[in-house]
Amino acid sequence: MSVHRDTVLIVGATILTFFLLTIGFFVLLGKPPFEMIGMLLTYALGDGYSISQTLAKTTPILLCALAAAVPGRLGLISVGAEGQLYAGAITGTAVVLAAPDLPAALMLPMMLVCAALGGAFYGYVPGILRARMQINETITTLVLNYVAVLWVNALVFGPWKDPASQGWPATITFPGAAILPALPSSRIHLGLLIAIALAIGLHFFFTRGASSQKIQILAGNRKVGEMFGLNFGTWVIVLMAMGGAIAGIAGIAEVSAIQGRLQPTISIGYGLTGFLVSWLSRHQPLIILPVAFLVGGLVAASDALQLFAKVPAASAIILQGLLFAIALAVPGIIKSMRPNYER
């Protein structure tokens, strides 16, 4: 069976299993399961506001998933999108604070580029440690996540704190020129278009041309690739930095378009969520698009369900945990049932 058909099988089996377990979850809560599932769908897609909320949650999840998918295509396991998101938020915010009077035509490109560079550097560091010193990228990216979060805290509690914030740790409110354009009365902003464009571009990058062939060879067998003159370490660094740049854009997009200033609560775990979305999608950018939308809808709807259906606050986290546990388990189950299953 082709890799594409395997991916469709995995995604379909995951969604079906999640649907069945969600029914069981609501039964255990003593709630009518089909009514609750109907409410989830309504809160995710029921009207313009719901769709806006879903797409607002989808944007950082999609970008972080792509950030994990880029090194994932080489067989690397990077869980650093969260830290890279924070790094991009820091460097993008630095542009705004350094030159708050820039016009939007200069401010927005500089802000996005600097955010991408900040995220790229945060991916480059574990990349070069893996390439030059064989230090596991999973461990370094995980540790660096905490460092980036602490850097944001240090800045917004310290030198970047707005004196007028009355004790709240945050920078000044971004000027209008530093706010990403959005649809009127909506939370759907330019970051979503950037994310979709990146997903399409990455699809062609990984399926067309000499670079895609080199990555496939190295991912399949590093020693064979090196026999043909390919440098595994170079591609580790390049792909880790590329992934970091994408997550960096997610950081400044969230700060600019959603929050309007840098503060400690940039992310609600978008980096880890994005990693699991990428894993579920087998690091295929075009598959990541609908899966990220599904998870974004789940996150947005779960928050609303807590408020309006009076389900426990932990329900949203439990539902997300169920989805990702299933996503990790289903490929192994399918493999055990079909010995010839291709990974």
Protein backbone atom coordinates (compact mmCIF):
# COMPACT_ATOMS: atom_id res chain seq x y z
CA MET A 1 0.00 0.00 0.00
CA SER A 2 1.36 3.47 -0.84
CA VAL A 3 2.54 5.90 1.80
CA HIS A 4 -0.32 8.26 0.88
CA ARG A 5 -2.96 5.56 1.32
CA ASP A 6 -1.33 4.53 4.60
CA THR A 7 -1.59 8.11 5.83
CA VAL A 8 -5.27 8.33 4.90
CA LEU A 9 -5.89 5.02 6.68
CA ILE A 10 -4.13 6.23 9.83
CA VAL A 11 -5.95 9.57 9.91
CA GLY A 12 -9.32 7.93 9.25
CA ALA A 13 -8.80 5.25 11.91
CA THR A 14 -7.67 7.90 14.39
CA ILE A 15 -10.73 10.09 13.83
CA LEU A 16 -13.11 7.12 14.11
CA THR A 17 -11.47 5.87 17.30
CA PHE A 18 -11.49 9.37 18.77
CA PHE A 19 -15.22 9.70 17.97
CA LEU A 20 -16.01 6.43 19.75
CA LEU A 21 -13.90 7.25 22.81
CA THR A 22 -15.37 10.75 22.99
CA ILE A 23 -18.83 9.16 23.21
CA GLY A 24 -17.59 7.00 26.09
CA PHE A 25 -16.01 10.01 27.80
CA PHE A 26 -19.25 12.01 27.81
CA VAL A 27 -21.20 8.96 29.01
CA LEU A 28 -18.83 8.72 31.99
CA LEU A 29 -19.46 12.40 32.70
CA GLY A 30 -23.19 11.76 32.71
CA LYS A 31 -23.73 14.00 29.69
CA PRO A 32 -25.70 13.03 26.57
CA PRO A 33 -22.83 12.13 24.23
CA PHE A 34 -24.38 12.97 20.87
CA GLU A 35 -25.69 16.27 22.19
CA MET A 36 -22.21 17.12 23.50
CA ILE A 37 -20.57 16.17 20.21
CA GLY A 38 -23.15 18.29 18.40
CA MET A 39 -22.24 21.19 20.66
CA LEU A 40 -18.54 20.65 19.91
CA LEU A 41 -19.29 20.91 16.21
CA THR A 42 -21.46 23.98 16.75
CA TYR A 43 -18.87 25.78 18.85
CA ALA A 44 -16.18 24.94 16.28
CA LEU A 45 -18.06 25.66 13.05
CA GLY A 46 -21.58 26.83 13.91
CA ASP A 47 -21.27 30.47 12.89
CA GLY A 48 -18.80 33.10 11.77
CA TYR A 49 -17.54 33.75 15.28
CA SER A 50 -16.97 30.06 15.95
CA ILE A 51 -15.09 29.61 12.68
CA SER A 52 -13.01 32.68 13.49
CA GLN A 53 -12.07 31.20 16.88
CA THR A 54 -11.25 27.85 15.30
CA LEU A 55 -8.99 29.41 12.67
CA ALA A 56 -7.32 31.58 15.30
CA LYS A 57 -6.37 28.42 17.22
CA THR A 58 -5.48 26.60 14.01
CA THR A 59 -2.88 29.16 12.93
CA PRO A 60 -0.21 28.61 15.62
CA ILE A 61 -0.92 24.87 15.71
CA LEU A 62 -0.42 24.65 11.94
CA LEU A 63 2.80 26.66 12.01
CA CYS A 64 4.21 24.63 14.91
CA ALA A 65 3.25 21.39 13.18
CA LEU A 66 5.11 22.49 10.05
CA ALA A 67 8.06 23.45 12.25
CA ALA A 68 8.20 19.90 13.58
CA ALA A 69 7.57 18.34 10.17
CA VAL A 70 10.56 19.95 8.45
CA PRO A 71 13.24 18.18 10.54
CA GLY A 72 10.89 15.22 10.88
CA ARG A 73 11.29 14.49 7.18
CA LEU A 74 14.95 13.70 7.89
CA GLY A 75 14.00 11.42 10.78
CA LEU A 76 14.77 14.00 13.45
CA ILE A 77 12.49 14.31 16.47
CA SER A 78 12.35 17.98 17.36
CA VAL A 79 9.97 18.96 20.14
CA GLY A 80 11.27 22.53 20.24
CA ALA A 81 8.52 24.43 18.45
CA GLU A 82 7.31 25.88 21.75
CA GLY A 83 10.69 27.41 22.53
CA GLN A 84 11.16 28.52 18.93
CA LEU A 85 7.74 30.19 19.07
CA TYR A 86 8.81 32.12 22.17
CA ALA A 87 12.17 33.01 20.59
CA GLY A 88 10.41 34.40 17.53
CA ALA A 89 8.07 36.38 19.74
CA ILE A 90 11.07 37.91 21.51
CA THR A 91 13.00 38.94 18.41
CA GLY A 92 9.90 40.15 16.60
CA THR A 93 8.87 42.22 19.62
CA ALA A 94 12.38 43.68 19.82
CA VAL A 95 11.80 45.32 16.43
CA VAL A 96 8.57 46.90 17.64
CA LEU A 97 10.13 48.22 20.85
CA ALA A 98 13.23 49.49 19.07
CA ALA A 99 11.36 51.38 16.36
CA PRO A 100 7.69 51.78 17.33
CA ASP A 101 7.13 54.62 14.84
CA LEU A 102 8.00 52.67 11.70
CA PRO A 103 5.26 52.56 9.06
CA ALA A 104 3.49 49.25 8.56
CA ALA A 105 5.18 48.74 5.17
CA LEU A 106 8.52 48.48 6.98
CA MET A 107 7.41 47.31 10.41
CA LEU A 108 5.57 44.14 9.41
CA PRO A 109 8.25 42.68 7.10
CA MET A 110 11.03 43.49 9.59
CA MET A 111 9.01 42.07 12.47
CA LEU A 112 8.28 38.81 10.62
CA VAL A 113 11.84 38.41 9.32
CA CYS A 114 13.38 39.01 12.74
CA ALA A 115 10.91 36.59 14.32
CA ALA A 116 11.86 33.97 11.73
CA LEU A 117 15.56 34.60 12.41
CA GLY A 118 15.02 34.26 16.16
CA GLY A 119 13.20 30.98 15.73
CA ALA A 120 15.81 29.80 13.20
CA PHE A 121 18.61 30.45 15.67
CA TYR A 122 16.71 28.51 18.30
CA GLY A 123 16.49 25.61 15.88
CA TYR A 124 20.09 26.04 14.70
CA VAL A 125 21.55 25.51 18.18
CA PRO A 126 20.20 21.98 18.74
CA GLY A 127 20.82 21.29 15.05
CA ILE A 128 24.52 22.04 15.27
CA LEU A 129 24.79 20.16 18.57
CA ARG A 130 23.32 17.11 16.84
CA ALA A 131 25.41 17.52 13.68
CA ARG A 132 28.76 18.25 15.33
CA MET A 133 28.56 16.54 18.72
CA GLN A 134 25.85 13.88 18.23
CA ILE A 135 23.78 15.33 21.08
CA ASN A 136 20.18 14.13 20.84
CA GLU A 137 17.98 16.85 19.36
CA THR A 138 14.91 15.74 21.30
CA ILE A 139 16.59 16.42 24.62
CA THR A 140 18.13 19.75 23.62
CA THR A 141 14.94 21.12 22.05
CA LEU A 142 12.92 20.05 25.09
CA VAL A 143 15.30 21.81 27.49
CA LEU A 144 15.50 24.94 25.33
CA ASN A 145 11.70 25.26 25.47
CA TYR A 146 11.93 26.12 29.16
CA VAL A 147 14.80 28.53 28.58
CA ALA A 148 12.81 30.54 26.02
CA VAL A 149 9.75 30.75 28.28
CA LEU A 150 11.94 32.01 31.12
CA TRP A 151 13.53 34.59 28.81
CA VAL A 152 10.11 36.02 28.02
CA ASN A 153 9.27 36.15 31.72
CA ALA A 154 12.55 37.89 32.49
CA LEU A 155 11.94 40.51 29.80
CA VAL A 156 8.31 41.33 30.56
CA PHE A 157 8.92 41.41 34.31
CA GLY A 158 12.08 43.44 33.76
CA PRO A 159 13.40 45.80 31.07
CA TRP A 160 10.52 45.44 28.62
CA LYS A 161 7.73 45.90 31.16
CA ASP A 162 5.26 48.64 30.36
CA PRO A 163 5.42 51.18 33.23
CA ALA A 164 1.72 51.90 32.72
CA SER A 165 0.64 48.27 33.07
CA GLN A 166 -0.01 48.61 36.83
CA GLY A 167 1.95 45.54 37.78
CA TRP A 168 0.84 43.30 34.91
CA PRO A 169 3.92 41.74 33.25
CA ALA A 170 3.70 42.82 29.62
CA THR A 171 5.27 45.15 27.09
CA ILE A 172 3.57 48.24 25.74
CA THR A 173 0.61 47.63 23.47
CA PHE A 174 1.81 47.21 19.90
CA PRO A 175 1.15 50.23 17.65
CA GLY A 176 -1.28 49.76 14.79
CA ALA A 177 1.55 49.43 12.28
CA ALA A 178 2.79 46.32 14.12
CA ILE A 179 -0.55 44.48 14.10
CA LEU A 180 -0.90 41.81 11.42
CA PRO A 181 -3.85 42.54 9.11
CA ALA A 182 -7.01 40.60 9.89
CA LEU A 183 -10.49 40.24 8.46
CA PRO A 184 -12.88 42.85 9.90
CA SER A 185 -14.39 41.85 13.26
CA SER A 186 -12.48 38.60 13.10
CA ARG A 187 -9.46 36.84 14.58
CA ILE A 188 -8.52 35.42 11.16
CA HIS A 189 -5.25 37.18 10.39
CA LEU A 190 -2.37 37.19 7.93
CA GLY A 191 -0.58 34.48 9.90
CA LEU A 192 -3.07 31.90 8.62
CA LEU A 193 -2.36 32.77 4.99
CA ILE A 194 1.38 32.56 5.69
CA ALA A 195 0.89 29.14 7.29
CA ILE A 196 -1.13 27.81 4.35
CA ALA A 197 1.41 29.16 1.86
CA LEU A 198 4.23 27.53 3.82
CA ALA A 199 2.41 24.19 3.89
CA ILE A 200 1.97 24.24 0.12
CA GLY A 201 5.55 25.39 -0.44
CA LEU A 202 6.95 22.71 1.84
CA HIS A 203 4.92 20.06 0.06
CA PHE A 204 6.67 20.91 -3.20
CA PHE A 205 10.04 21.29 -1.49
CA PHE A 206 9.82 17.77 -0.07
CA THR A 207 8.35 16.13 -3.17
CA ARG A 208 10.06 17.90 -6.07
CA GLY A 209 13.64 18.60 -7.09
CA ALA A 210 17.11 17.52 -6.05
CA SER A 211 16.77 18.62 -2.43
CA SER A 212 13.79 16.36 -1.82
CA GLN A 213 15.69 13.39 -3.25
CA LYS A 214 18.71 14.09 -1.06
CA ILE A 215 16.58 14.32 2.07
CA GLN A 216 14.76 11.10 1.20
CA ILE A 217 18.04 9.26 0.67
CA LEU A 218 19.52 10.50 3.96
CA ALA A 219 16.31 9.76 5.86
CA GLY A 220 16.20 6.25 4.43
CA ASN A 221 19.85 5.37 4.98
CA ARG A 222 22.38 7.89 6.19
CA LYS A 223 25.38 5.78 5.23
CA VAL A 224 24.17 5.30 1.66
CA GLY A 225 23.60 9.04 1.37
CA GLU A 226 27.10 9.81 2.57
CA MET A 227 28.48 7.33 0.04
CA PHE A 228 26.91 9.54 -2.64
CA GLY A 229 28.57 12.62 -1.14
CA LEU A 230 25.62 13.92 0.87
CA ASN A 231 26.41 15.61 4.16
CA PHE A 232 23.94 14.48 6.83
CA GLY A 233 25.12 17.07 9.36
CA THR A 234 24.56 19.96 6.97
CA TRP A 235 20.99 18.90 6.31
CA VAL A 236 20.37 18.48 10.05
CA ILE A 237 21.40 22.08 10.64
CA VAL A 238 19.48 23.44 7.65
CA LEU A 239 16.22 21.64 8.43
CA MET A 240 16.34 22.36 12.16
CA ALA A 241 16.84 26.06 11.41
CA MET A 242 14.06 26.04 8.80
CA GLY A 243 11.65 24.49 11.26
CA GLY A 244 12.64 27.00 13.92
CA ALA A 245 12.01 29.90 11.55
CA ILE A 246 8.45 28.71 10.92
CA ALA A 247 7.74 28.41 14.65
CA GLY A 248 9.24 31.86 15.17
CA ILE A 249 6.66 33.31 12.79
CA ALA A 250 3.96 31.59 14.85
CA GLY A 251 5.24 33.39 17.93
CA ILE A 252 5.14 36.92 16.58
CA ALA A 253 1.84 36.28 14.79
CA GLU A 254 0.24 35.23 18.07
CA VAL A 255 1.69 38.23 19.91
CA SER A 256 0.83 40.76 17.22
CA ALA A 257 -2.55 39.62 15.92
CA ILE A 258 -4.10 37.97 18.98
CA GLN A 259 -2.58 39.46 22.14
CA GLY A 260 -1.36 42.85 20.92
CA ARG A 261 1.71 42.82 23.18
CA LEU A 262 4.29 40.43 24.53
CA GLN A 263 3.30 38.76 27.80
CA PRO A 264 4.09 35.44 29.49
CA THR A 265 1.01 33.61 28.24
CA ILE A 266 1.87 33.55 24.54
CA SER A 267 1.10 29.89 24.05
CA ILE A 268 -1.24 27.27 25.50
CA GLY A 269 1.06 24.46 24.47
CA TYR A 270 0.92 25.13 20.73
CA GLY A 271 4.42 23.71 20.26
CA LEU A 272 3.66 20.30 21.71
CA THR A 273 0.25 20.23 20.04
CA GLY A 274 1.90 21.05 16.72
CA PHE A 275 4.44 18.26 17.19
CA LEU A 276 1.67 15.73 17.75
CA VAL A 277 -0.29 17.04 14.75
CA SER A 278 2.83 16.59 12.64
CA TRP A 279 3.35 13.08 14.01
CA LEU A 280 -0.24 12.15 13.28
CA SER A 281 0.15 13.51 9.73
CA ARG A 282 3.43 11.65 9.26
CA HIS A 283 5.17 14.99 8.62
CA GLN A 284 3.31 15.56 5.36
CA PRO A 285 2.47 19.27 5.00
CA LEU A 286 -0.76 18.85 3.00
CA ILE A 287 -2.07 16.31 5.51
CA ILE A 288 -1.08 18.64 8.35
CA LEU A 289 -3.47 21.31 7.00
CA PRO A 290 -6.78 19.50 7.72
CA VAL A 291 -5.46 17.81 10.87
CA ALA A 292 -4.38 21.17 12.32
CA PHE A 293 -7.83 22.55 11.51
CA LEU A 294 -9.46 19.59 13.26
CA VAL A 295 -7.35 20.10 16.37
CA GLY A 296 -7.84 23.87 16.28
CA GLY A 297 -11.59 23.31 16.23
CA LEU A 298 -11.33 20.88 19.12
CA VAL A 299 -9.35 23.38 21.19
CA ALA A 300 -11.73 26.25 20.44
CA ALA A 301 -14.87 24.17 20.96
CA SER A 302 -13.62 22.57 24.16
CA ASP A 303 -13.08 25.99 25.71
CA ALA A 304 -16.64 27.00 24.79
CA LEU A 305 -18.03 23.68 26.01
CA GLN A 306 -16.52 24.30 29.42
CA LEU A 307 -18.21 27.70 29.63
CA PHE A 308 -21.66 26.89 28.26
CA ALA A 309 -22.22 23.18 28.88
CA LYS A 310 -20.76 23.23 32.40
CA VAL A 311 -18.41 20.32 31.79
CA PRO A 312 -15.30 20.12 33.99
CA ALA A 313 -12.46 22.46 33.10
CA ALA A 314 -10.16 19.50 32.52
CA SER A 315 -12.41 18.13 29.77
CA ALA A 316 -10.66 20.10 27.04
CA ILE A 317 -7.28 18.75 28.11
CA ILE A 318 -8.65 15.21 28.41
CA LEU A 319 -10.16 15.33 24.91
CA GLN A 320 -6.91 16.61 23.43
CA GLY A 321 -4.99 13.97 25.34
CA LEU A 322 -7.32 11.27 24.01
CA LEU A 323 -6.79 12.46 20.45
CA PHE A 324 -3.03 12.45 20.70
CA ALA A 325 -2.83 9.16 22.57
CA ILE A 326 -4.88 7.61 19.79
CA ALA A 327 -2.69 9.29 17.17
CA LEU A 328 0.39 7.71 18.68
CA ALA A 329 -1.20 4.29 19.16
CA VAL A 330 -3.01 3.78 15.86
CA PRO A 331 0.08 3.44 13.59
CA GLY A 332 1.50 0.75 15.88
CA ILE A 333 -1.79 -1.13 15.96
CA ILE A 334 -2.09 -1.02 12.17
CA LYS A 335 1.51 -2.17 11.84
CA SER A 336 0.91 -5.13 14.14
CA MET A 337 -2.14 -6.12 12.10
CA ARG A 338 -0.32 -5.80 8.76
CA PRO A 339 3.30 -6.99 8.85
CA ASN A 340 3.99 -5.39 5.48
CA TYR A 341 2.81 -1.99 6.66
CA GLU A 342 5.14 0.81 5.50
CA ARG A 343 6.19 3.37 8.05
